[in-house]
Amino acid sequence: MSAPALGRRLLAEFVGTAALVCVVVGSGIAARQLSTDAGLQLLENSTATVFGLGVLILVFGPVSGAHFNPVVSVADWWAGRRHGTGLSLPEVGAYTLAQVLGGIGGAVLANVMFDLPAGQISTHDRITTGHLIGEFVATAGLIVVIAALARHGRIGLSAAAVAAYIGAAYWFTSSTSFANPAVTLGRIFSDTFAGIAPSSAPAFVAAQIFGAAAGSALIAILYPTAADNADSVDVPYSGAEPERPQQQTI
């Protein structure tokens, strides 16, 4: 059984990433409007993100694998390159473009929904040493969670596990766990509670890339032979067409 056509997968990645950023930014705006306490605002923002991300993985996972994240797509290619599993390198490039464009679109949509100017650039400077370490840790942990599930046939738990991890990382990391270059770039375009200034984004993305590399290295050490069977742990496609998904096979 073949994977869904690339065009369908890219549409799923675009719409899914847009929806994810819309959830993150929109719930951040709503939290600021509803509450004055910073802790309560973060609780509202993180709760919406947990539920939204879990649903999006369930909806789009059978089509594209629900990566919504360039470092997840790169890790998928890296882990499967020797065995012909996961994404090809050109597909990684296409996924990344769809994810970044989706992230920007999601931020703009959130702005418009709350009657804010569609075109905004964030002034929220987030650069500190602690924030960058937080992004490194958050992204490394995300890759470990996804890869560990995939390599031992528990990818069906990914919606709950990944959403739970991101929800926890909102609170235990200093950066509130962006852990995603596409989401980071998208959040530049909303000058709200959830935004990030353009000057802060490159360092965040760099920390995420290094974190993803560290997470992949840890998985290779912990599970040295599991990659041989990585392609067999995909969640079966449940639609009417007998197609095989690209479900987070790192």
Protein backbone atom coordinates (compact mmCIF):
# COMPACT_ATOMS: atom_id res chain seq x y z
CA MET A 1 0.00 0.00 0.00
CA SER A 2 1.37 3.39 -0.98
CA ALA A 3 1.43 6.57 1.06
CA PRO A 4 -1.12 9.30 0.30
CA ALA A 5 -0.11 11.54 -2.60
CA LEU A 6 2.44 14.21 -1.72
CA GLY A 7 0.00 17.01 -2.52
CA ARG A 8 -2.49 15.68 0.01
CA ARG A 9 0.22 15.31 2.63
CA LEU A 10 1.47 18.85 2.07
CA LEU A 11 -2.07 20.20 2.37
CA ALA A 12 -2.45 18.30 5.66
CA GLU A 13 0.83 19.74 6.95
CA PHE A 14 -0.12 23.27 5.87
CA VAL A 15 -3.61 23.17 7.38
CA GLY A 16 -2.49 21.29 10.50
CA THR A 17 0.37 23.68 11.25
CA ALA A 18 -1.85 26.68 10.57
CA ALA A 19 -4.46 25.32 12.96
CA LEU A 20 -1.81 24.61 15.61
CA VAL A 21 -0.42 28.15 15.49
CA CYS A 22 -3.95 29.54 15.43
CA VAL A 23 -4.68 27.59 18.62
CA VAL A 24 -1.49 28.80 20.30
CA VAL A 25 -1.83 32.45 19.32
CA GLY A 26 -5.61 32.62 19.60
CA SER A 27 -5.69 31.09 23.06
CA GLY A 28 -2.90 33.47 24.10
CA ILE A 29 -4.93 36.46 22.97
CA ALA A 30 -8.05 35.14 24.70
CA ALA A 31 -6.09 34.46 27.90
CA ARG A 32 -4.88 38.06 28.00
CA GLN A 33 -8.44 39.32 27.49
CA LEU A 34 -9.95 37.04 30.13
CA SER A 35 -7.33 37.13 32.88
CA THR A 36 -4.85 39.49 34.49
CA ASP A 37 -2.83 36.86 36.36
CA ALA A 38 0.18 35.62 34.34
CA GLY A 39 -0.01 32.10 35.74
CA LEU A 40 -3.68 31.77 34.85
CA GLN A 41 -2.98 33.12 31.36
CA LEU A 42 -0.33 30.44 30.83
CA LEU A 43 -2.69 27.77 32.14
CA GLU A 44 -5.38 28.83 29.68
CA ASN A 45 -2.89 28.99 26.81
CA SER A 46 -1.31 25.61 27.58
CA THR A 47 -4.63 23.84 28.14
CA ALA A 48 -5.97 24.95 24.76
CA THR A 49 -2.72 23.90 23.10
CA VAL A 50 -2.79 20.42 24.66
CA PHE A 51 -6.33 19.71 23.49
CA GLY A 52 -5.83 21.34 20.10
CA LEU A 53 -2.60 19.49 19.34
CA GLY A 54 -4.04 16.14 20.37
CA VAL A 55 -7.02 16.57 18.06
CA LEU A 56 -4.87 17.77 15.14
CA ILE A 57 -2.60 14.72 15.40
CA LEU A 58 -5.63 12.43 15.30
CA VAL A 59 -7.15 14.26 12.32
CA PHE A 60 -4.07 14.70 10.13
CA GLY A 61 -1.85 11.83 11.29
CA PRO A 62 -3.30 9.26 8.87
CA VAL A 63 -2.60 11.60 5.94
CA SER A 64 0.80 13.19 6.54
CA GLY A 65 2.02 11.86 9.87
CA ALA A 66 1.02 15.13 11.56
CA HIS A 67 4.58 16.40 11.84
CA PHE A 68 3.66 20.12 11.88
CA ASN A 69 7.34 20.68 12.68
CA PRO A 70 10.42 20.83 10.41
CA VAL A 71 12.73 19.21 12.96
CA VAL A 72 10.35 16.25 13.26
CA SER A 73 10.36 15.89 9.48
CA VAL A 74 14.17 16.06 9.35
CA ALA A 75 14.47 13.51 12.15
CA ASP A 76 12.05 11.24 10.29
CA TRP A 77 14.26 11.40 7.18
CA TRP A 78 17.47 10.91 9.16
CA ALA A 79 16.22 7.84 11.01
CA GLY A 80 14.84 6.16 7.90
CA ARG A 81 17.45 7.08 5.31
CA ARG A 82 19.33 3.74 5.49
CA HIS A 83 16.22 1.59 5.34
CA GLY A 84 14.09 3.48 2.83
CA THR A 85 11.51 4.43 5.46
CA GLY A 86 10.18 7.83 6.40
CA LEU A 87 10.40 10.93 4.21
CA SER A 88 12.83 11.50 1.36
CA LEU A 89 15.02 14.61 1.49
CA PRO A 90 12.98 16.45 -1.20
CA GLU A 91 9.83 15.64 0.78
CA VAL A 92 11.44 17.12 3.89
CA GLY A 93 11.96 20.38 2.00
CA ALA A 94 8.36 20.38 0.79
CA TYR A 95 7.03 19.56 4.27
CA THR A 96 9.11 22.36 5.79
CA LEU A 97 7.81 24.95 3.32
CA ALA A 98 4.20 23.86 3.94
CA GLN A 99 4.72 23.99 7.70
CA VAL A 100 6.31 27.45 7.71
CA LEU A 101 3.64 28.92 5.42
CA GLY A 102 0.96 27.27 7.55
CA GLY A 103 2.46 28.71 10.72
CA ILE A 104 2.40 32.24 9.31
CA GLY A 105 -1.14 31.78 8.04
CA GLY A 106 -2.32 30.51 11.42
CA ALA A 107 -0.93 33.55 13.23
CA VAL A 108 -2.59 35.94 10.78
CA LEU A 109 -5.90 34.07 11.13
CA ALA A 110 -5.76 34.34 14.92
CA ASN A 111 -5.12 38.09 14.66
CA VAL A 112 -8.10 38.55 12.39
CA MET A 113 -10.43 36.45 14.56
CA PHE A 114 -9.77 38.74 17.52
CA ASP A 115 -10.21 41.94 15.48
CA LEU A 116 -6.51 42.76 15.53
CA PRO A 117 -4.54 43.99 12.51
CA ALA A 118 -3.79 41.03 10.25
CA GLY A 119 -0.25 42.13 9.56
CA GLN A 120 1.72 42.38 12.78
CA ILE A 121 5.33 41.89 13.79
CA SER A 122 5.94 40.86 17.38
CA THR A 123 7.97 43.04 19.76
CA HIS A 124 8.16 40.32 22.42
CA ASP A 125 11.90 39.82 22.96
CA ARG A 126 12.50 36.37 24.46
CA ILE A 127 16.27 35.95 24.21
CA THR A 128 18.00 34.86 27.40
CA THR A 129 20.44 32.03 28.00
CA GLY A 130 17.81 30.24 30.04
CA HIS A 131 15.23 30.48 27.25
CA LEU A 132 17.62 28.97 24.72
CA ILE A 133 18.47 26.10 27.06
CA GLY A 134 14.75 25.63 27.57
CA GLU A 135 14.19 25.36 23.82
CA PHE A 136 17.04 22.86 23.51
CA VAL A 137 15.54 20.69 26.27
CA ALA A 138 11.96 21.02 25.00
CA THR A 139 12.85 20.01 21.45
CA ALA A 140 15.14 17.16 22.47
CA GLY A 141 12.38 15.77 24.67
CA LEU A 142 9.80 16.05 21.91
CA ILE A 143 11.96 14.06 19.49
CA VAL A 144 12.61 11.41 22.15
CA VAL A 145 8.89 11.03 22.89
CA ILE A 146 7.88 10.67 19.23
CA ALA A 147 10.76 8.37 18.29
CA ALA A 148 10.41 6.11 21.30
CA LEU A 149 6.72 5.58 20.54
CA ALA A 150 7.37 4.94 16.86
CA ARG A 151 10.22 2.49 17.32
CA HIS A 152 8.31 0.24 19.66
CA GLY A 153 4.95 0.12 17.96
CA ARG A 154 3.09 2.54 20.23
CA ILE A 155 2.55 5.31 17.70
CA GLY A 156 -1.20 5.06 18.33
CA LEU A 157 -0.50 6.81 21.64
CA SER A 158 1.19 9.75 19.95
CA ALA A 159 -1.78 12.13 20.08
CA ALA A 160 -2.07 11.82 23.85
CA ALA A 161 1.65 11.49 24.59
CA VAL A 162 2.91 14.33 22.39
CA ALA A 163 0.14 16.69 23.52
CA ALA A 164 0.80 15.81 27.15
CA TYR A 165 4.53 16.40 26.76
CA ILE A 166 4.04 19.80 25.13
CA GLY A 167 1.55 20.76 27.83
CA ALA A 168 4.04 19.83 30.54
CA ALA A 169 6.89 21.60 28.74
CA TYR A 170 4.88 24.83 28.75
CA TRP A 171 5.47 24.79 32.49
CA PHE A 172 8.82 23.10 33.10
CA THR A 173 10.83 24.99 30.45
CA SER A 174 11.75 28.65 30.78
CA SER A 175 10.80 29.32 27.14
CA THR A 176 7.28 27.82 27.42
CA SER A 177 8.30 25.22 24.84
CA PHE A 178 8.04 26.49 21.29
CA ALA A 179 10.06 23.39 20.20
CA ASN A 180 9.16 23.98 16.56
CA PRO A 181 10.81 26.25 13.94
CA ALA A 182 7.60 26.62 11.91
CA VAL A 183 5.61 27.65 14.97
CA THR A 184 8.42 29.99 16.02
CA LEU A 185 8.45 31.74 12.63
CA GLY A 186 4.66 31.91 12.58
CA ARG A 187 4.53 33.56 15.99
CA ILE A 188 6.68 36.43 14.70
CA PHE A 189 3.55 37.66 12.92
CA SER A 190 1.44 38.29 16.02
CA ASP A 191 2.38 41.05 18.47
CA THR A 192 0.50 39.38 21.31
CA PHE A 193 1.04 37.26 24.43
CA ALA A 194 2.25 34.35 22.27
CA GLY A 195 4.45 36.30 19.87
CA ILE A 196 8.22 36.34 19.48
CA ALA A 197 10.30 39.20 18.13
CA PRO A 198 12.15 38.60 14.84
CA SER A 199 15.45 39.26 16.62
CA SER A 200 14.77 36.35 19.00
CA ALA A 201 13.59 33.82 16.43
CA PRO A 202 16.94 32.78 14.84
CA ALA A 203 18.47 31.81 18.18
CA PHE A 204 15.30 29.92 19.12
CA VAL A 205 15.39 27.99 15.85
CA ALA A 206 19.08 27.20 16.31
CA ALA A 207 18.42 25.88 19.82
CA GLN A 208 15.59 23.74 18.44
CA ILE A 209 17.82 22.27 15.74
CA PHE A 210 20.53 21.38 18.25
CA GLY A 211 17.90 19.97 20.58
CA ALA A 212 16.45 17.78 17.83
CA ALA A 213 19.94 16.48 17.01
CA ALA A 214 20.54 15.66 20.66
CA GLY A 215 17.18 13.89 20.93
CA SER A 216 17.90 11.83 17.82
CA ALA A 217 21.34 10.89 19.15
CA LEU A 218 19.86 9.79 22.46
CA ILE A 219 17.28 7.62 20.70
CA ALA A 220 20.01 6.01 18.59
CA ILE A 221 21.84 5.07 21.79
CA LEU A 222 18.80 3.90 23.70
CA TYR A 223 17.25 1.94 20.81
CA PRO A 224 20.17 0.93 18.54
CA THR A 225 18.33 -1.75 16.54
CA ALA A 226 14.75 -0.50 16.56
CA ALA A 227 15.22 1.59 13.40
CA ASP A 228 15.36 -1.62 11.36
CA ASN A 229 11.62 -2.04 11.95
CA ALA A 230 10.64 1.62 12.09
CA ASP A 231 8.49 1.43 8.97
CA SER A 232 6.29 -1.29 10.47
CA VAL A 233 4.98 0.85 13.29
CA ASP A 234 2.84 3.18 11.19
CA VAL A 235 -0.75 3.53 12.29
CA PRO A 236 -2.95 1.74 9.70
CA TYR A 237 -4.86 4.08 7.45
CA SER A 238 -8.48 3.99 8.54
CA GLY A 239 -10.15 5.61 5.55
CA ALA A 240 -11.86 4.06 2.56
CA GLU A 241 -8.72 4.01 0.43
CA PRO A 242 -6.09 1.31 1.06
CA GLU A 243 -3.23 3.78 1.56
CA ARG A 244 -0.38 3.70 3.98
CA PRO A 245 0.29 6.83 6.08
CA GLN A 246 3.58 8.49 6.90
CA GLN A 247 2.77 8.52 10.59
CA GLN A 248 5.75 9.90 12.49
CA THR A 249 8.07 7.01 11.67
CA ILE A 250 11.25 8.33 13.25
